[in-house]
Amino acid sequence: SSERDNNPLHAARAHVPRDLRRAGGRMGNCHKSSAYDAYGNWLEEGCWVECAHDRSVDNAAGPGRVRFIADDRVTFEWPVFGSYIYNADDIRRYGIVKVLADKDGRKLLVDQLVEMKDGSEGIVASMTDTTVTINYTTKDWHAGTHTFSQRDIEEHGVKISVALGQRRHCIAGPCM
């Protein structure tokens, strides 16, 4: 068997009928989703996910995104592997969990420096399964702390900046 057949992201696809796999663009979300990640967090179209349990999956390519939810099936789009459909058992088996990501799909973590589309900057102070709290550090420092949902992150253009430590360099003497 090929390497592709042994990849757990591809294995789940075998459980989905061919006509449902092709439904991709026609699938839509009902008003309320009944899809949950491996930890029981509610999934909705547009949220970001990663594989937490399966160490054979390389998350270095970045999180995947929920594209469609229909009945008990969720279509995830992975940056390297493409789109695949999973049921609740597959989601638990592969440890697919919801994460928060910046506007470009990079996973947010506590203590990261972020920038908004208006040029203000902040530091990720804390996170829950549905929100990220950012302490502003420049331009809008008087505004203090703001909490963002994934939708707010995209609306405000929140993106991970270069870490402050990476801007420093040494030139024949003390680091600047």
N, C-alpha and C. Protein backbone atom coordinates (compact mmCIF):
# COMPACT_ATOMS: atom_id res chain seq x y z
N SER A 1 0.83 -1.19 0.00
CA SER A 1 0.00 0.00 0.00
C SER A 1 0.87 1.25 0.00
N SER A 2 0.35 2.31 -0.50
CA SER A 2 1.12 3.54 -0.63
C SER A 2 1.16 4.30 0.69
N GLU A 3 2.06 5.28 0.77
CA GLU A 3 2.16 6.13 1.96
C GLU A 3 0.86 6.88 2.17
N ARG A 4 0.21 7.29 1.08
CA ARG A 4 -1.06 8.01 1.17
C ARG A 4 -2.14 7.14 1.83
N ASP A 5 -2.16 5.84 1.53
CA ASP A 5 -3.16 4.95 2.11
C ASP A 5 -2.94 4.74 3.60
N ASN A 6 -1.70 4.86 4.07
CA ASN A 6 -1.39 4.67 5.48
C ASN A 6 -1.59 5.92 6.31
N ASN A 7 -1.82 7.06 5.68
CA ASN A 7 -1.99 8.32 6.38
C ASN A 7 -3.39 8.37 6.98
N PRO A 8 -3.52 8.61 8.30
CA PRO A 8 -4.84 8.61 8.94
C PRO A 8 -5.77 9.68 8.40
N LEU A 9 -5.23 10.79 7.86
CA LEU A 9 -6.10 11.81 7.28
C LEU A 9 -6.80 11.28 6.04
N HIS A 10 -6.17 10.36 5.36
CA HIS A 10 -6.76 9.78 4.16
C HIS A 10 -7.60 8.55 4.49
N ALA A 11 -7.27 7.87 5.57
CA ALA A 11 -7.98 6.64 5.92
C ALA A 11 -9.45 6.88 6.19
N ALA A 12 -9.79 8.01 6.81
CA ALA A 12 -11.18 8.29 7.14
C ALA A 12 -12.04 8.43 5.89
N ARG A 13 -11.43 8.85 4.81
CA ARG A 13 -12.16 9.05 3.57
C ARG A 13 -12.78 7.75 3.06
N ALA A 14 -12.14 6.63 3.35
CA ALA A 14 -12.62 5.35 2.87
C ALA A 14 -13.99 5.00 3.45
N HIS A 15 -14.35 5.58 4.58
CA HIS A 15 -15.62 5.30 5.24
C HIS A 15 -16.77 6.12 4.68
N VAL A 16 -16.48 7.05 3.78
CA VAL A 16 -17.50 7.97 3.28
C VAL A 16 -17.90 7.56 1.86
N PRO A 17 -19.20 7.41 1.61
CA PRO A 17 -19.64 7.06 0.26
C PRO A 17 -19.14 8.06 -0.78
N ARG A 18 -18.81 7.56 -1.96
CA ARG A 18 -18.25 8.39 -3.03
C ARG A 18 -19.15 9.59 -3.36
N ASP A 19 -20.48 9.40 -3.43
CA ASP A 19 -21.36 10.51 -3.79
C ASP A 19 -21.37 11.59 -2.71
N LEU A 20 -21.17 11.23 -1.43
CA LEU A 20 -21.11 12.22 -0.37
C LEU A 20 -19.80 12.99 -0.43
N ARG A 21 -18.70 12.29 -0.81
CA ARG A 21 -17.41 12.98 -0.96
C ARG A 21 -17.49 14.04 -2.04
N ARG A 22 -18.24 13.78 -3.09
CA ARG A 22 -18.35 14.73 -4.19
C ARG A 22 -19.32 15.86 -3.89
N ALA A 23 -20.06 15.75 -2.80
CA ALA A 23 -21.07 16.75 -2.47
C ALA A 23 -20.46 18.07 -2.02
N GLY A 24 -19.16 18.04 -1.68
CA GLY A 24 -18.44 19.19 -1.16
C GLY A 24 -19.07 20.55 -1.30
N GLY A 25 -19.16 21.10 -2.51
CA GLY A 25 -19.66 22.45 -2.70
C GLY A 25 -21.14 22.59 -2.45
N ARG A 26 -21.87 21.49 -2.44
CA ARG A 26 -23.32 21.56 -2.24
C ARG A 26 -23.70 21.40 -0.78
N MET A 27 -22.74 21.00 0.04
CA MET A 27 -23.06 20.77 1.45
C MET A 27 -23.17 22.11 2.15
N GLY A 28 -24.10 22.22 3.05
CA GLY A 28 -24.26 23.46 3.79
C GLY A 28 -24.50 23.16 5.25
N ASN A 29 -24.39 24.17 6.05
CA ASN A 29 -24.59 24.01 7.47
C ASN A 29 -26.02 24.34 7.83
N CYS A 30 -26.65 23.50 8.61
CA CYS A 30 -27.95 23.83 9.15
C CYS A 30 -27.75 24.98 10.13
N HIS A 31 -28.82 25.56 10.58
CA HIS A 31 -28.70 26.73 11.46
C HIS A 31 -27.85 26.41 12.68
N LYS A 32 -27.98 25.24 13.23
CA LYS A 32 -27.22 24.84 14.42
C LYS A 32 -26.47 23.54 14.11
N SER A 33 -25.18 23.54 14.38
CA SER A 33 -24.35 22.37 14.12
C SER A 33 -24.46 21.36 15.25
N SER A 34 -24.36 20.11 14.90
CA SER A 34 -24.30 19.07 15.92
C SER A 34 -22.93 18.40 15.88
N ALA A 35 -21.95 19.05 15.28
CA ALA A 35 -20.61 18.50 15.17
C ALA A 35 -19.73 19.02 16.31
N TYR A 36 -18.93 18.11 16.87
CA TYR A 36 -18.05 18.45 17.97
C TYR A 36 -16.66 17.90 17.72
N ASP A 37 -15.64 18.58 18.29
CA ASP A 37 -14.28 18.06 18.16
C ASP A 37 -14.06 16.93 19.16
N ALA A 38 -12.84 16.40 19.21
CA ALA A 38 -12.53 15.26 20.08
C ALA A 38 -12.68 15.58 21.56
N TYR A 39 -12.63 16.86 21.93
CA TYR A 39 -12.77 17.27 23.33
C TYR A 39 -14.19 17.72 23.65
N GLY A 40 -15.10 17.65 22.67
CA GLY A 40 -16.48 18.04 22.91
C GLY A 40 -16.79 19.50 22.62
N ASN A 41 -15.84 20.23 22.03
CA ASN A 41 -16.08 21.63 21.67
C ASN A 41 -16.89 21.69 20.38
N TRP A 42 -17.83 22.58 20.34
CA TRP A 42 -18.72 22.75 19.20
C TRP A 42 -17.94 23.21 17.97
N LEU A 43 -18.14 22.57 16.83
CA LEU A 43 -17.50 22.96 15.57
C LEU A 43 -18.51 23.71 14.72
N GLU A 44 -18.03 24.68 13.98
CA GLU A 44 -18.86 25.39 13.03
C GLU A 44 -18.04 25.67 11.78
N GLU A 45 -18.71 25.90 10.68
CA GLU A 45 -18.00 26.15 9.43
C GLU A 45 -17.10 27.37 9.60
N GLY A 46 -15.86 27.22 9.14
CA GLY A 46 -14.89 28.30 9.22
C GLY A 46 -13.93 28.21 10.39
N CYS A 47 -14.22 27.35 11.38
CA CYS A 47 -13.29 27.26 12.51
C CYS A 47 -12.08 26.40 12.10
N TRP A 48 -11.02 26.54 12.86
CA TRP A 48 -9.75 25.85 12.59
C TRP A 48 -9.59 24.66 13.51
N VAL A 49 -8.91 23.62 13.03
CA VAL A 49 -8.69 22.39 13.79
C VAL A 49 -7.29 21.85 13.54
N GLU A 50 -6.84 20.96 14.44
CA GLU A 50 -5.59 20.24 14.25
C GLU A 50 -5.75 18.85 14.83
N CYS A 51 -4.83 17.95 14.49
CA CYS A 51 -4.84 16.60 15.04
C CYS A 51 -4.01 16.61 16.32
N ALA A 52 -4.64 16.33 17.45
CA ALA A 52 -3.95 16.38 18.73
C ALA A 52 -3.43 15.02 19.17
N HIS A 53 -4.13 13.93 18.84
CA HIS A 53 -3.75 12.61 19.34
C HIS A 53 -2.80 11.87 18.42
N ASP A 54 -2.97 12.02 17.13
CA ASP A 54 -2.26 11.19 16.17
C ASP A 54 -0.90 11.80 15.84
N ARG A 55 0.15 11.24 16.39
CA ARG A 55 1.51 11.77 16.18
C ARG A 55 2.03 11.49 14.78
N SER A 56 1.35 10.62 14.01
CA SER A 56 1.82 10.34 12.65
C SER A 56 1.41 11.46 11.69
N VAL A 57 0.56 12.36 12.16
CA VAL A 57 0.11 13.47 11.33
C VAL A 57 1.01 14.67 11.60
N ASP A 58 1.51 15.29 10.57
CA ASP A 58 2.40 16.44 10.70
C ASP A 58 1.56 17.71 10.75
N ASN A 59 1.45 18.32 11.94
CA ASN A 59 0.71 19.57 12.08
C ASN A 59 1.54 20.78 11.69
N ALA A 60 2.81 20.57 11.30
CA ALA A 60 3.67 21.69 10.95
C ALA A 60 3.15 22.46 9.74
N ALA A 61 2.37 21.81 8.89
CA ALA A 61 1.82 22.49 7.72
C ALA A 61 0.73 23.48 8.11
N GLY A 62 0.27 23.40 9.35
CA GLY A 62 -0.75 24.31 9.83
C GLY A 62 -2.07 23.62 10.07
N PRO A 63 -2.95 24.34 10.74
CA PRO A 63 -4.27 23.77 11.04
C PRO A 63 -5.11 23.56 9.80
N GLY A 64 -6.10 22.69 9.93
CA GLY A 64 -7.09 22.50 8.89
C GLY A 64 -8.28 23.38 9.20
N ARG A 65 -9.20 23.46 8.26
CA ARG A 65 -10.38 24.33 8.45
C ARG A 65 -11.65 23.54 8.17
N VAL A 66 -12.68 23.79 8.98
CA VAL A 66 -13.98 23.19 8.76
C VAL A 66 -14.61 23.91 7.57
N ARG A 67 -14.91 23.18 6.51
CA ARG A 67 -15.51 23.77 5.32
C ARG A 67 -17.02 23.58 5.29
N PHE A 68 -17.49 22.35 5.60
CA PHE A 68 -18.92 22.05 5.53
C PHE A 68 -19.29 21.11 6.67
N ILE A 69 -20.52 21.27 7.13
CA ILE A 69 -21.09 20.35 8.11
C ILE A 69 -22.46 19.95 7.59
N ALA A 70 -22.67 18.66 7.46
CA ALA A 70 -23.96 18.16 7.00
C ALA A 70 -24.25 16.84 7.71
N ASP A 71 -25.41 16.77 8.31
CA ASP A 71 -25.80 15.58 9.06
C ASP A 71 -24.73 15.28 10.10
N ASP A 72 -24.18 14.07 10.06
CA ASP A 72 -23.14 13.72 11.04
C ASP A 72 -21.75 13.69 10.40
N ARG A 73 -21.57 14.43 9.33
CA ARG A 73 -20.29 14.46 8.60
C ARG A 73 -19.73 15.88 8.56
N VAL A 74 -18.40 15.98 8.71
CA VAL A 74 -17.72 17.27 8.67
C VAL A 74 -16.64 17.20 7.60
N THR A 75 -16.60 18.17 6.72
CA THR A 75 -15.54 18.26 5.72
C THR A 75 -14.48 19.21 6.23
N PHE A 76 -13.25 18.68 6.39
CA PHE A 76 -12.11 19.47 6.80
C PHE A 76 -11.22 19.68 5.58
N GLU A 77 -10.68 20.88 5.45
CA GLU A 77 -9.70 21.16 4.40
C GLU A 77 -8.34 21.31 5.07
N TRP A 78 -7.41 20.42 4.70
CA TRP A 78 -6.06 20.42 5.27
C TRP A 78 -5.11 21.09 4.29
N PRO A 79 -4.12 21.86 4.78
CA PRO A 79 -3.24 22.60 3.88
C PRO A 79 -2.44 21.73 2.91
N VAL A 80 -2.05 20.54 3.33
CA VAL A 80 -1.25 19.66 2.48
C VAL A 80 -2.09 18.55 1.85
N PHE A 81 -3.03 18.00 2.61
CA PHE A 81 -3.77 16.82 2.19
C PHE A 81 -5.05 17.11 1.42
N GLY A 82 -5.54 18.33 1.45
CA GLY A 82 -6.79 18.65 0.77
C GLY A 82 -8.00 18.41 1.66
N SER A 83 -9.16 18.23 1.04
CA SER A 83 -10.41 18.10 1.78
C SER A 83 -10.78 16.63 2.00
N TYR A 84 -11.22 16.35 3.23
CA TYR A 84 -11.67 15.01 3.58
C TYR A 84 -12.86 15.11 4.51
N ILE A 85 -13.72 14.11 4.43
CA ILE A 85 -14.95 14.09 5.23
C ILE A 85 -14.79 13.08 6.37
N TYR A 86 -15.18 13.50 7.57
CA TYR A 86 -15.06 12.67 8.77
C TYR A 86 -16.40 12.61 9.48
N ASN A 87 -16.65 11.49 10.17
CA ASN A 87 -17.81 11.41 11.06
C ASN A 87 -17.31 11.57 12.49
N ALA A 88 -18.21 11.53 13.47
CA ALA A 88 -17.83 11.76 14.87
C ALA A 88 -16.79 10.75 15.35
N ASP A 89 -16.92 9.49 14.95
CA ASP A 89 -15.93 8.48 15.36
C ASP A 89 -14.55 8.79 14.81
N ASP A 90 -14.48 9.23 13.55
CA ASP A 90 -13.20 9.59 12.94
C ASP A 90 -12.57 10.77 13.68
N ILE A 91 -13.38 11.76 14.03
CA ILE A 91 -12.89 12.96 14.72
C ILE A 91 -12.27 12.58 16.06
N ARG A 92 -12.92 11.71 16.79
CA ARG A 92 -12.37 11.24 18.07
C ARG A 92 -11.13 10.37 17.86
N ARG A 93 -11.18 9.47 16.88
CA ARG A 93 -10.06 8.55 16.62
C ARG A 93 -8.78 9.32 16.29
N TYR A 94 -8.87 10.35 15.48
CA TYR A 94 -7.69 11.10 15.06
C TYR A 94 -7.40 12.28 15.97
N GLY A 95 -8.24 12.49 16.99
CA GLY A 95 -7.99 13.57 17.94
C GLY A 95 -8.09 14.94 17.31
N ILE A 96 -9.06 15.14 16.45
CA ILE A 96 -9.21 16.43 15.78
C ILE A 96 -9.84 17.41 16.76
N VAL A 97 -9.11 18.49 17.06
CA VAL A 97 -9.57 19.47 18.05
C VAL A 97 -9.57 20.88 17.47
N LYS A 98 -10.47 21.66 17.98
CA LYS A 98 -10.63 23.05 17.56
C LYS A 98 -9.48 23.88 18.11
N VAL A 99 -8.94 24.77 17.28
CA VAL A 99 -7.90 25.72 17.70
C VAL A 99 -8.30 27.09 17.19
N LEU A 100 -7.68 28.11 17.74
CA LEU A 100 -7.87 29.47 17.22
C LEU A 100 -6.67 29.80 16.36
N ALA A 101 -6.91 30.47 15.24
CA ALA A 101 -5.83 30.80 14.30
C ALA A 101 -5.94 32.26 13.89
N ASP A 102 -4.81 32.81 13.45
CA ASP A 102 -4.84 34.19 12.97
C ASP A 102 -5.53 34.24 11.61
N LYS A 103 -5.60 35.41 11.02
CA LYS A 103 -6.34 35.57 9.76
C LYS A 103 -5.75 34.75 8.62
N ASP A 104 -4.49 34.34 8.76
CA ASP A 104 -3.82 33.54 7.74
C ASP A 104 -3.82 32.05 8.05
N GLY A 105 -4.49 31.64 9.14
CA GLY A 105 -4.59 30.23 9.48
C GLY A 105 -3.44 29.68 10.30
N ARG A 106 -2.64 30.55 10.92
CA ARG A 106 -1.56 30.08 11.79
C ARG A 106 -2.08 30.01 13.23
N LYS A 107 -1.81 28.90 13.90
CA LYS A 107 -2.33 28.67 15.25
C LYS A 107 -1.83 29.74 16.22
N LEU A 108 -2.78 30.30 16.97
CA LEU A 108 -2.45 31.29 18.00
C LEU A 108 -2.06 30.58 19.29
N LEU A 109 -1.08 31.14 20.00
CA LEU A 109 -0.61 30.62 21.27
C LEU A 109 -0.41 31.77 22.25
N VAL A 110 -0.50 31.49 23.53
CA VAL A 110 -0.26 32.50 24.55
C VAL A 110 1.17 33.03 24.41
N ASP A 111 1.33 34.33 24.64
CA ASP A 111 2.59 35.06 24.58
C ASP A 111 3.06 35.40 23.16
N GLN A 112 2.25 35.15 22.15
CA GLN A 112 2.63 35.57 20.80
C GLN A 112 2.33 37.05 20.62
N LEU A 113 3.17 37.72 19.84
CA LEU A 113 2.94 39.10 19.45
C LEU A 113 2.05 39.09 18.22
N VAL A 114 0.96 39.85 18.26
CA VAL A 114 0.03 39.91 17.14
C VAL A 114 -0.18 41.35 16.71
N GLU A 115 -0.62 41.51 15.48
CA GLU A 115 -0.88 42.83 14.91
C GLU A 115 -2.26 42.82 14.28
N MET A 116 -2.99 43.92 14.43
CA MET A 116 -4.30 44.06 13.81
C MET A 116 -4.17 44.85 12.51
N LYS A 117 -5.21 44.80 11.65
CA LYS A 117 -5.11 45.48 10.36
C LYS A 117 -5.00 47.00 10.51
N ASP A 118 -5.40 47.55 11.68
CA ASP A 118 -5.26 49.00 11.89
C ASP A 118 -3.85 49.38 12.36
N GLY A 119 -2.96 48.38 12.48
CA GLY A 119 -1.58 48.63 12.87
C GLY A 119 -1.31 48.50 14.35
N SER A 120 -2.34 48.37 15.17
CA SER A 120 -2.11 48.21 16.60
C SER A 120 -1.55 46.81 16.86
N GLU A 121 -0.80 46.70 17.95
CA GLU A 121 -0.17 45.44 18.31
C GLU A 121 -0.59 45.02 19.70
N GLY A 122 -0.45 43.74 19.97
CA GLY A 122 -0.75 43.22 21.29
C GLY A 122 -0.09 41.89 21.51
N ILE A 123 -0.26 41.38 22.71
CA ILE A 123 0.28 40.08 23.08
C ILE A 123 -0.88 39.19 23.50
N VAL A 124 -0.87 37.95 23.00
CA VAL A 124 -1.90 37.00 23.38
C VAL A 124 -1.72 36.68 24.86
N ALA A 125 -2.72 37.07 25.66
CA ALA A 125 -2.62 36.91 27.11
C ALA A 125 -3.22 35.59 27.59
N SER A 126 -4.34 35.19 26.99
CA SER A 126 -4.99 33.94 27.40
C SER A 126 -5.90 33.47 26.28
N MET A 127 -6.30 32.20 26.41
CA MET A 127 -7.16 31.61 25.40
C MET A 127 -8.14 30.64 26.05
N THR A 128 -9.32 30.53 25.43
CA THR A 128 -10.27 29.48 25.77
C THR A 128 -10.49 28.69 24.49
N ASP A 129 -11.44 27.76 24.49
CA ASP A 129 -11.71 27.01 23.26
C ASP A 129 -12.41 27.87 22.22
N THR A 130 -12.94 29.05 22.60
CA THR A 130 -13.67 29.88 21.63
C THR A 130 -13.15 31.31 21.53
N THR A 131 -12.26 31.74 22.44
CA THR A 131 -11.80 33.13 22.41
C THR A 131 -10.31 33.25 22.70
N VAL A 132 -9.76 34.37 22.27
CA VAL A 132 -8.39 34.73 22.59
C VAL A 132 -8.44 36.14 23.18
N THR A 133 -7.69 36.36 24.26
CA THR A 133 -7.63 37.67 24.89
C THR A 133 -6.28 38.29 24.57
N ILE A 134 -6.32 39.52 24.06
CA ILE A 134 -5.11 40.21 23.62
C ILE A 134 -4.94 41.48 24.44
N ASN A 135 -3.74 41.66 25.00
CA ASN A 135 -3.37 42.89 25.69
C ASN A 135 -2.68 43.80 24.68
N TYR A 136 -3.25 44.96 24.43
CA TYR A 136 -2.65 45.89 23.48
C TYR A 136 -1.37 46.47 24.04
N THR A 137 -0.38 46.65 23.15
CA THR A 137 0.92 47.16 23.58
C THR A 137 1.31 48.46 22.89
N THR A 138 0.74 48.78 21.75
CA THR A 138 1.11 49.99 21.03
C THR A 138 -0.12 50.65 20.44
N LYS A 139 0.00 51.90 20.10
CA LYS A 139 -1.00 52.70 19.40
C LYS A 139 -2.32 52.78 20.17
N ASP A 140 -2.86 51.65 20.54
CA ASP A 140 -4.14 51.60 21.21
C ASP A 140 -3.98 51.07 22.64
N TRP A 141 -2.81 51.35 23.25
CA TRP A 141 -2.51 50.78 24.55
C TRP A 141 -3.54 51.17 25.60
N HIS A 142 -4.12 52.35 25.47
CA HIS A 142 -5.11 52.81 26.46
C HIS A 142 -6.39 51.97 26.41
N ALA A 143 -6.59 51.22 25.33
CA ALA A 143 -7.78 50.38 25.22
C ALA A 143 -7.64 49.12 26.06
N GLY A 144 -6.42 48.81 26.50
CA GLY A 144 -6.22 47.69 27.40
C GLY A 144 -6.33 46.33 26.76
N THR A 145 -7.30 45.56 27.21
CA THR A 145 -7.44 44.17 26.82
C THR A 145 -8.73 43.98 26.03
N HIS A 146 -8.65 43.16 24.97
CA HIS A 146 -9.83 42.81 24.19
C HIS A 146 -9.88 41.30 24.00
N THR A 147 -11.09 40.77 23.98
CA THR A 147 -11.30 39.35 23.74
C THR A 147 -11.94 39.17 22.38
N PHE A 148 -11.38 38.25 21.59
CA PHE A 148 -11.82 38.04 20.22
C PHE A 148 -12.29 36.60 20.02
N SER A 149 -13.36 36.42 19.27
CA SER A 149 -13.76 35.11 18.78
C SER A 149 -13.03 34.89 17.45
N GLN A 150 -13.15 33.70 16.87
CA GLN A 150 -12.50 33.45 15.58
C GLN A 150 -13.03 34.42 14.52
N ARG A 151 -14.31 34.68 14.54
CA ARG A 151 -14.91 35.63 13.59
C ARG A 151 -14.32 37.02 13.79
N ASP A 152 -14.14 37.45 15.04
CA ASP A 152 -13.54 38.76 15.34
C ASP A 152 -12.10 38.82 14.88
N ILE A 153 -11.36 37.72 15.05
CA ILE A 153 -9.96 37.67 14.62
C ILE A 153 -9.87 37.98 13.14
N GLU A 154 -10.73 37.37 12.35
CA GLU A 154 -10.70 37.60 10.91
C GLU A 154 -11.21 38.99 10.55
N GLU A 155 -12.23 39.46 11.24
CA GLU A 155 -12.77 40.80 10.98
C GLU A 155 -11.76 41.89 11.27
N HIS A 156 -10.97 41.74 12.34
CA HIS A 156 -9.98 42.74 12.72
C HIS A 156 -8.61 42.49 12.10
N GLY A 157 -8.50 41.43 11.31
CA GLY A 157 -7.25 41.13 10.62
C GLY A 157 -6.11 40.80 11.57
N VAL A 158 -6.40 40.10 12.66
CA VAL A 158 -5.37 39.73 13.63
C VAL A 158 -4.42 38.73 12.98
N LYS A 159 -3.11 39.06 13.03
CA LYS A 159 -2.12 38.14 12.49
C LYS A 159 -0.91 38.09 13.40
N ILE A 160 -0.27 36.93 13.41
CA ILE A 160 0.94 36.75 14.22
C ILE A 160 2.05 37.58 13.61
N SER A 161 2.73 38.38 14.46
CA SER A 161 3.85 39.21 14.02
C SER A 161 5.15 38.47 14.26
N VAL A 162 6.22 39.06 13.80
CA VAL A 162 7.54 38.52 14.11
C VAL A 162 7.75 38.70 15.61
N ALA A 163 8.21 37.67 16.28
CA ALA A 163 8.45 37.77 17.72
C ALA A 163 9.49 38.84 18.00
N LEU A 164 9.30 39.56 19.07
CA LEU A 164 10.24 40.64 19.40
C LEU A 164 11.67 40.14 19.47
N GLY A 165 11.89 38.97 20.01
CA GLY A 165 13.23 38.41 20.11
C GLY A 165 13.86 38.15 18.77
N GLN A 166 13.05 37.91 17.74
CA GLN A 166 13.59 37.64 16.42
C GLN A 166 14.01 38.91 15.69
N ARG A 167 13.61 40.06 16.19
CA ARG A 167 14.00 41.33 15.56
C ARG A 167 15.39 41.76 16.00
N ARG A 168 15.88 41.17 17.07
CA ARG A 168 17.17 41.55 17.61
C ARG A 168 18.29 40.91 16.80
N HIS A 169 19.40 41.59 16.76
CA HIS A 169 20.58 41.04 16.11
C HIS A 169 21.83 41.62 16.75
N CYS A 170 22.92 40.90 16.67
CA CYS A 170 24.17 41.34 17.27
C CYS A 170 25.10 41.86 16.18
N ILE A 171 25.67 43.02 16.44
CA ILE A 171 26.63 43.60 15.50
C ILE A 171 27.89 43.94 16.27
N ALA A 172 28.82 43.00 16.30
CA ALA A 172 30.12 43.18 16.97
C ALA A 172 29.97 43.88 18.31
N GLY A 173 29.19 43.34 19.17
CA GLY A 173 29.02 43.92 20.49
C GLY A 173 27.74 43.42 21.11
N PRO A 174 27.16 44.22 21.99
CA PRO A 174 25.93 43.76 22.65
C PRO A 174 24.78 43.63 21.66
N CYS A 175 23.89 42.71 21.98
CA CYS A 175 22.72 42.52 21.10
C CYS A 175 21.80 43.71 21.22
N MET A 176 21.21 44.06 20.10
CA MET A 176 20.32 45.22 20.06
C MET A 176 18.90 44.78 19.87
